[in-house]
Each structure stands twice: as structure tokens, then as C-alpha cells.
């Protein structure tokens, strides 16, 4: 897992292929009054979408995107809020799954065997087997401020994620469609080999609903849902291993 994957996920999995493209020129504002965002250019719609999305107190991100450091693929389904709370799952290259809940200063994590073995590559077989025996399929907890929690808690930083969104785009207006039943307008961008499509809600607040990058080597598909809904951060039931006690 890498904290840098967070930025890639937030802005559709590529440093250049999202809402910050460089397509020359500017589309003309739609003059049809019955069209969504009538009279606004793609750039103006994007600015409204960015303002609305950055103003959200919580949201859920789901999908996959490349991790710049490892060259692998991060898959994520996480609900998170501006307080740093989060709950959901993370995986790297389809090799197992990590479940995470952060509430306040406590982080709960449950790793399956496949995830632990993938993370233990390069370590000795005996050491990896011991870690699997102790942790696989079991909930653990530790302080969110501890050094061992840094990578996991990085995925829960909604403020940092929203800071990655930027304006100044020359995105072009596309057609109208739906994202999981929510009416949306598409914003298209192309810059050389970089190609991306953003979907913005046309009813209620103009939240960003989905971003798809088709850039070779940086392809990703992320959806954004559950805006301003509570994050389910109830502590796991049953036995929980306190890793801070093992370290002390």
C-alpha cells in the first residue's frame, strides 16, 4: 500500500488525466435553456463541481487506479469524512483484502492471509507464516498517531484528497447520462494520449459522481457517492488484538 495512491484515486488515477487537462480552446456555452447547466462552458461547470465536492463533509470512493510507487493497482471502497474517520476495504493488485475502520485516534484493521503474504514478500517464510498465524482474519487496533498506522490512515484523509482537486480546466461539455440512476453531464478531456471523462450531477448539488481515465498506463475508474452521509465507524465486535500493547 502507498499513500501516494490516495492522490491518484482522488483525481481519477493519473497526474494529468482528470479535471486538470490541457486541451486547447474552450467549448461554447450551451444556449438551450432546457439543458443542464445551460449557458455554462465545461470549465465553468467544472468549477461549480469542484466547489460542491470540496464542500462535502463526507463521501464514499469506490473503484481502482494505479499506484505510482509500485506500478500496481489499488482497489478501494472507502467511506471517509473531513474528521479523518473512515471505513471500508483496500487491496493491491487483487492480492487479498484489508478492512479498515478509523474512528477518532483509533485504527482497526483486519487483513486476510493473501494480503499478509503479499505484503510479506521478501521476508523469510517462517516469519511470514508467524505473522499470518497471528493476524490473518483477526481485527487489530492501534493508535492512529502511531508510525505503524501511517500508511493506512493516509487513505482516510479526505481533506488531503479534496486538496488534490484543481480548477483551471478546459474540459469540454459532453452529453447527458446517468451514474447509478443519478442524472449527470459528461465533461470530456483529451491531451495527447491522456484521455478522461468526468461525470457531474445535474440535480441537487453539482457533485462529481465519477471520473474515468483511459490514459495508457494510468487507466482508472472511480465513483463518488454517499455525499454528506455518516461514516459507519462502529468498533468491530468480538476479540480485537491491541498491537500497541505488543509494542510496549
Protein backbone atom coordinates (compact mmCIF):
# COMPACT_ATOMS: atom_id res chain seq x y z
CA UNK A 1 0.00 0.00 0.00
CA UNK A 2 1.20 3.52 -0.70
CA UNK A 3 -0.11 6.85 0.50
CA UNK A 4 0.58 8.22 -2.98
CA UNK A 5 -2.22 6.04 -4.29
CA UNK A 6 -4.68 8.29 -2.48
CA UNK A 7 -3.93 11.20 -4.76
CA UNK A 8 -4.24 9.01 -7.82
CA UNK A 9 -7.60 7.71 -6.66
CA UNK A 10 -8.95 11.11 -5.86
CA UNK A 11 -8.26 12.65 -9.18
CA UNK A 12 -9.02 9.66 -11.34
CA UNK A 13 -5.84 7.75 -11.26
CA UNK A 14 -3.44 9.94 -13.18
CA UNK A 15 -1.49 13.11 -12.59
CA UNK A 16 -2.56 14.63 -15.91
CA UNK A 17 -5.73 12.82 -16.89
CA UNK A 18 -8.54 14.20 -14.78
CA UNK A 19 -10.17 17.55 -14.18
CA UNK A 20 -6.96 19.44 -14.83
CA UNK A 21 -6.43 18.74 -18.53
CA UNK A 22 -4.79 21.00 -21.10
CA UNK A 23 -6.99 20.72 -24.15
CA UNK A 24 -6.54 23.87 -26.30
CA UNK A 25 -9.53 26.11 -26.78
CA UNK A 26 -12.82 26.36 -24.92
CA UNK A 27 -16.23 24.99 -25.79
CA UNK A 28 -19.07 27.37 -26.29
CA UNK A 29 -21.68 27.57 -23.58
CA UNK A 30 -24.82 25.65 -24.37
CA UNK A 31 -27.59 28.03 -25.31
CA UNK A 32 -30.51 25.64 -24.84
CA UNK A 33 -32.36 26.72 -21.72
CA UNK A 34 -33.73 23.24 -21.00
CA UNK A 35 -30.23 21.71 -20.99
CA UNK A 36 -28.41 21.12 -17.67
CA UNK A 37 -26.07 23.99 -16.82
CA UNK A 38 -27.44 26.00 -19.73
CA UNK A 39 -25.17 28.86 -20.68
CA UNK A 40 -22.10 27.42 -18.91
CA UNK A 41 -18.91 26.15 -20.50
CA UNK A 42 -17.22 22.93 -19.50
CA UNK A 43 -14.70 24.93 -17.46
CA UNK A 44 -17.47 26.76 -15.60
CA UNK A 45 -19.31 23.52 -14.84
CA UNK A 46 -16.08 22.04 -13.55
CA UNK A 47 -15.54 24.97 -11.19
CA UNK A 48 -19.03 24.50 -9.75
CA UNK A 49 -18.45 20.77 -9.38
CA UNK A 50 -15.13 21.32 -7.63
CA UNK A 51 -16.65 23.82 -5.20
CA UNK A 52 -19.51 21.45 -4.35
CA UNK A 53 -17.27 18.41 -3.95
CA UNK A 54 -14.73 20.24 -1.79
CA UNK A 55 -17.58 21.43 0.41
CA UNK A 56 -18.71 17.89 1.25
CA UNK A 57 -18.25 16.72 4.83
CA UNK A 58 -18.04 13.07 3.78
CA UNK A 59 -18.23 10.80 0.75
CA UNK A 60 -17.53 7.29 -0.46
CA UNK A 61 -14.97 6.44 -3.13
CA UNK A 62 -15.04 3.13 -4.97
CA UNK A 63 -13.02 1.84 -7.88
CA UNK A 64 -9.47 1.27 -8.98
CA UNK A 65 -6.46 3.29 -10.02
CA UNK A 66 -2.71 2.80 -10.49
CA UNK A 67 -0.25 3.27 -7.66
CA UNK A 68 2.62 5.43 -8.85
CA UNK A 69 5.22 3.97 -6.50
CA UNK A 70 4.65 0.25 -7.04
CA UNK A 71 3.27 0.30 -10.57
CA UNK A 72 0.41 -1.85 -9.29
CA UNK A 73 -3.31 -1.24 -8.99
CA UNK A 74 -5.11 -0.06 -5.88
CA UNK A 75 -8.73 -1.12 -5.43
CA UNK A 76 -10.70 0.73 -2.82
CA UNK A 77 -14.19 1.02 -1.38
CA UNK A 78 -14.00 3.57 1.43
CA UNK A 79 -16.34 5.97 3.16
CA UNK A 80 -14.49 8.86 4.77
CA UNK A 81 -15.12 12.28 6.27
CA UNK A 82 -13.29 15.51 6.97
CA UNK A 83 -12.70 14.46 10.61
CA UNK A 84 -10.40 11.67 9.47
CA UNK A 85 -12.87 8.85 10.14
CA UNK A 86 -13.17 6.11 7.52
CA UNK A 87 -14.46 2.60 6.95
CA UNK A 88 -14.10 0.18 4.06
CA UNK A 89 -11.72 -2.08 2.17
CA UNK A 90 -8.43 -1.74 0.29
CA UNK A 91 -6.49 -4.18 -1.88
CA UNK A 92 -3.37 -4.08 -4.03
CA UNK A 93 -3.22 -5.97 -7.33
CA UNK A 94 -6.09 -8.19 -6.23
CA UNK A 95 -3.83 -9.89 -3.69
CA UNK A 96 -6.07 -10.19 -0.67
CA UNK A 97 -8.01 -7.54 1.19
CA UNK A 98 -7.54 -5.15 4.09
CA UNK A 99 -10.55 -3.95 6.07
CA UNK A 100 -10.11 -0.66 7.90
CA UNK A 101 -12.09 1.41 10.38
CA UNK A 102 -10.74 4.63 11.80
CA UNK A 103 -12.68 6.45 14.47
CA UNK A 104 -11.06 9.26 16.42
CA UNK A 105 -7.50 8.26 17.33
CA UNK A 106 -8.05 4.52 16.94
CA UNK A 107 -7.48 2.47 13.79
CA UNK A 108 -8.95 -1.02 13.43
CA UNK A 109 -7.55 -3.23 10.67
CA UNK A 110 -8.28 -6.80 9.55
CA UNK A 111 -6.02 -8.41 6.94
CA UNK A 112 -6.66 -11.70 5.19
CA UNK A 113 -3.96 -14.30 4.55
CA UNK A 114 -3.45 -13.40 0.88
CA UNK A 115 -2.88 -9.75 1.77
CA UNK A 116 -0.40 -10.59 4.53
CA UNK A 117 1.59 -12.94 2.32
CA UNK A 118 1.71 -10.38 -0.49
CA UNK A 119 2.97 -7.74 1.93
CA UNK A 120 5.48 -10.21 3.33
CA UNK A 121 7.22 -10.91 0.03
CA UNK A 122 10.96 -10.70 0.53
CA UNK A 123 10.68 -11.75 4.17
CA UNK A 124 11.58 -15.19 5.44
CA UNK A 125 8.99 -17.96 5.10
CA UNK A 126 8.99 -18.69 8.82
CA UNK A 127 8.48 -15.05 9.74
CA UNK A 128 5.65 -14.67 7.23
CA UNK A 129 3.95 -17.83 8.49
CA UNK A 130 4.12 -16.50 12.06
CA UNK A 131 2.54 -13.19 11.04
CA UNK A 132 -0.21 -14.99 9.13
CA UNK A 133 -0.90 -17.27 12.09
CA UNK A 134 -1.17 -14.31 14.47
CA UNK A 135 -3.07 -11.79 12.34
CA UNK A 136 -4.91 -13.32 9.39
CA UNK A 137 -8.65 -12.74 9.62
CA UNK A 138 -8.38 -11.03 13.02
CA UNK A 139 -9.22 -7.46 13.95
CA UNK A 140 -6.39 -5.43 15.37
CA UNK A 141 -6.27 -1.92 16.75
CA UNK A 142 -3.61 0.71 17.19
CA UNK A 143 -3.27 4.44 17.70
CA UNK A 144 -3.90 6.48 14.56
CA UNK A 145 -0.96 8.71 15.51
CA UNK A 146 1.48 5.80 15.70
CA UNK A 147 4.10 5.29 12.98
CA UNK A 148 2.75 1.84 12.10
CA UNK A 149 -0.63 3.36 11.20
CA UNK A 150 0.68 6.00 8.82
CA UNK A 151 0.06 4.15 5.57
CA UNK A 152 -3.46 3.08 6.50
CA UNK A 153 -4.54 6.42 7.94
CA UNK A 154 -3.29 8.13 4.78
CA UNK A 155 -6.23 6.57 2.96
CA UNK A 156 -8.62 8.20 5.44
CA UNK A 157 -7.53 11.79 4.84
CA UNK A 158 -10.46 13.31 2.95
CA UNK A 159 -9.04 16.80 3.32
CA UNK A 160 -5.85 15.80 1.51
CA UNK A 161 -7.87 14.04 -1.14
CA UNK A 162 -10.05 17.04 -1.85
CA UNK A 163 -7.00 19.29 -1.95
CA UNK A 164 -5.86 17.29 -4.99
CA UNK A 165 -8.78 18.61 -6.99
CA UNK A 166 -7.85 21.65 -9.02
CA UNK A 167 -9.56 24.05 -11.40
CA UNK A 168 -8.39 25.90 -14.47
CA UNK A 169 -9.56 23.15 -16.77
CA UNK A 170 -10.55 23.33 -20.42
CA UNK A 171 -12.86 20.35 -20.22
CA UNK A 172 -15.46 20.18 -22.97
CA UNK A 173 -19.16 19.68 -22.40
CA UNK A 174 -20.41 16.23 -23.36
CA UNK A 175 -23.79 14.58 -23.38
CA UNK A 176 -26.19 13.85 -20.54
CA UNK A 177 -26.38 10.43 -18.97
CA UNK A 178 -26.86 8.75 -15.56
CA UNK A 179 -24.45 7.42 -12.94
CA UNK A 180 -26.16 4.77 -10.83
CA UNK A 181 -29.51 6.40 -11.50
CA UNK A 182 -28.39 9.98 -10.86
CA UNK A 183 -28.70 12.34 -13.86
CA UNK A 184 -25.30 13.65 -14.92
CA UNK A 185 -23.48 15.63 -17.58
CA UNK A 186 -20.17 14.44 -19.00
CA UNK A 187 -17.05 16.56 -19.29
CA UNK A 188 -14.53 15.31 -21.83
CA UNK A 189 -10.80 15.93 -21.88
CA UNK A 190 -8.04 14.94 -24.28
CA UNK A 191 -4.39 15.98 -24.18
CA UNK A 192 -2.21 13.88 -26.44
CA UNK A 193 -2.53 10.32 -25.17
CA UNK A 194 -4.24 11.49 -21.97
CA UNK A 195 -7.98 10.99 -22.10
CA UNK A 196 -10.54 11.30 -19.30
CA UNK A 197 -14.25 11.75 -18.70
CA UNK A 198 -15.82 13.28 -15.61
CA UNK A 199 -19.49 12.95 -14.67
CA UNK A 200 -21.17 15.77 -12.73
CA UNK A 201 -24.61 15.61 -11.09
CA UNK A 202 -27.22 17.79 -12.78
CA UNK A 203 -29.76 17.60 -9.94
CA UNK A 204 -29.14 18.92 -6.45
CA UNK A 205 -25.57 19.94 -5.75
CA UNK A 206 -23.24 19.50 -8.75
CA UNK A 207 -21.13 16.83 -7.12
CA UNK A 208 -18.55 14.87 -9.10
CA UNK A 209 -20.05 11.39 -9.47
CA UNK A 210 -17.45 9.52 -11.48
CA UNK A 211 -14.10 10.01 -13.19
CA UNK A 212 -12.76 7.63 -15.82
CA UNK A 213 -9.21 7.80 -17.14
CA UNK A 214 -8.30 5.95 -20.34
CA UNK A 215 -4.70 7.14 -20.40
CA UNK A 216 -2.38 4.23 -21.29
CA UNK A 217 -0.61 3.07 -18.16
CA UNK A 218 -2.77 5.29 -15.94
CA UNK A 219 -6.26 3.93 -16.58
CA UNK A 220 -8.67 4.19 -13.67
CA UNK A 221 -12.38 4.30 -12.87
CA UNK A 222 -13.57 5.91 -9.64
CA UNK A 223 -17.10 6.64 -8.43
CA UNK A 224 -18.02 9.15 -5.71
CA UNK A 225 -21.21 8.54 -3.73
CA UNK A 226 -22.82 8.97 -0.30
CA UNK A 227 -22.02 12.66 -0.06
CA UNK A 228 -22.54 14.08 3.45
CA UNK A 229 -23.69 10.73 4.84
CA UNK A 230 -22.39 9.40 8.18
CA UNK A 231 -19.37 7.11 8.02
CA UNK A 232 -20.09 3.72 9.68
CA UNK A 233 -17.30 3.74 12.26
CA UNK A 234 -18.64 1.38 14.93
CA UNK A 235 -15.81 -0.60 16.51
CA UNK A 236 -15.69 -4.27 15.45
CA UNK A 237 -17.32 -6.75 17.79
CA UNK A 238 -15.58 -9.65 19.43
CA UNK A 239 -11.88 -10.09 20.15
CA UNK A 240 -9.58 -7.30 18.96
CA UNK A 241 -5.78 -7.55 19.25
CA UNK A 242 -4.22 -4.39 20.67
CA UNK A 243 -0.98 -4.00 18.70
CA UNK A 244 0.15 -1.09 20.88
CA UNK A 245 0.29 -3.48 23.83
CA UNK A 246 2.53 -5.86 21.87
CA UNK A 247 4.86 -3.00 21.04
CA UNK A 248 5.14 -1.75 24.60
